[in-house]
Amino acid sequence: MIDEDAGQIVEGTVFHVEEMRQGHGMGTMTAYRVAEVRQIVRRFSGKYGQLLRKVLLVPVALADDVGDLRIDDLDVN
């Protein structure tokens, strides 16, 4: 779930997420493709509402990682 309103994130877009948490591979980058975007408007009492955007991400292989693959990694069960 992405808290910010990110209108440029549409289905099919590929972007990178950089890990910034200590102890979780800080500095590593992972590429994701947006598989689905669901926008929800929450209504509250009065004239107030909130836009919630849920984004389903699918990891994709980076070109640098593909060179490290072995034939066993590509074997489909």
Protein backbone atom coordinates (compact mmCIF):
# COMPACT_ATOMS: atom_id res chain seq x y z
CA MET A 1 0.00 0.00 0.00
CA ILE A 2 1.39 3.39 -0.94
CA ASP A 3 0.38 6.25 1.34
CA GLU A 4 1.30 9.06 -1.04
CA ASP A 5 -0.80 9.93 -4.06
CA ALA A 6 1.43 8.69 -6.88
CA GLY A 7 -0.51 9.24 -10.11
CA GLN A 8 2.42 8.13 -12.26
CA ILE A 9 2.12 4.59 -10.93
CA VAL A 10 -0.07 2.83 -13.49
CA GLU A 11 -0.36 -0.81 -14.52
CA GLY A 12 2.69 -1.98 -16.47
CA THR A 13 5.05 0.63 -14.98
CA VAL A 14 8.40 -0.70 -13.77
CA PHE A 15 10.14 1.06 -10.90
CA HIS A 16 12.82 0.33 -8.31
CA VAL A 17 12.46 0.15 -4.55
CA GLU A 18 15.58 0.87 -2.52
CA GLU A 19 15.76 -0.83 0.89
CA MET A 20 16.57 1.74 3.55
CA ARG A 21 16.01 -0.32 6.72
CA GLN A 22 19.05 -1.37 8.70
CA GLY A 23 19.43 -5.12 8.90
CA HIS A 24 17.24 -5.74 5.85
CA GLY A 25 19.83 -5.38 3.08
CA MET A 26 20.12 -1.62 3.28
CA GLY A 27 20.99 -0.10 -0.10
CA THR A 28 19.78 -3.03 -2.23
CA MET A 29 17.47 -2.26 -5.14
CA THR A 30 14.61 -4.45 -6.31
CA ALA A 31 12.68 -3.85 -9.54
CA TYR A 32 8.90 -4.25 -9.55
CA ARG A 33 6.23 -4.12 -12.23
CA VAL A 34 2.82 -2.74 -11.29
CA ALA A 35 0.32 -5.56 -11.91
CA GLU A 36 -2.82 -3.83 -10.63
CA VAL A 37 -3.82 -0.48 -9.17
CA ARG A 38 -6.97 -0.17 -7.10
CA GLN A 39 -8.17 3.27 -6.05
CA ILE A 40 -10.58 3.53 -3.14
CA VAL A 41 -12.30 6.66 -1.91
CA ARG A 42 -13.24 6.54 1.76
CA ARG A 43 -16.13 8.78 2.79
CA PHE A 44 -16.39 10.22 6.27
CA SER A 45 -18.98 12.36 8.02
CA GLY A 46 -19.37 15.81 6.54
CA LYS A 47 -17.56 16.76 3.35
CA TYR A 48 -14.38 14.82 4.03
CA GLY A 49 -12.90 11.86 2.21
CA GLN A 50 -9.63 10.07 1.73
CA LEU A 51 -8.10 8.55 -1.41
CA LEU A 52 -6.43 5.18 -0.84
CA ARG A 53 -4.40 3.68 -3.64
CA LYS A 54 -3.47 0.00 -3.38
CA VAL A 55 -0.77 -1.24 -5.74
CA LEU A 56 -0.07 -4.92 -6.48
CA LEU A 57 3.61 -5.34 -7.34
CA VAL A 58 5.35 -8.21 -9.10
CA PRO A 59 9.15 -8.46 -8.79
CA VAL A 60 11.07 -8.47 -12.07
CA ALA A 61 14.65 -9.52 -12.72
CA LEU A 62 17.22 -6.77 -13.17
CA ALA A 63 19.62 -7.11 -16.10
CA ASP A 64 22.51 -7.39 -13.61
CA ASP A 65 20.81 -10.30 -11.85
CA VAL A 66 20.04 -12.24 -15.04
CA GLY A 67 23.76 -12.78 -15.65
CA ASP A 68 24.00 -14.54 -12.28
CA LEU A 69 21.27 -17.09 -13.09
CA ARG A 70 22.06 -20.75 -13.57
CA ILE A 71 20.12 -23.26 -15.70
CA ASP A 72 18.55 -24.65 -12.49
CA ASP A 73 17.10 -21.19 -11.75
CA LEU A 74 15.37 -21.14 -15.13
CA ASP A 75 13.94 -24.68 -14.88
CA VAL A 76 10.13 -24.55 -14.75
CA ASN A 77 8.38 -27.20 -12.68
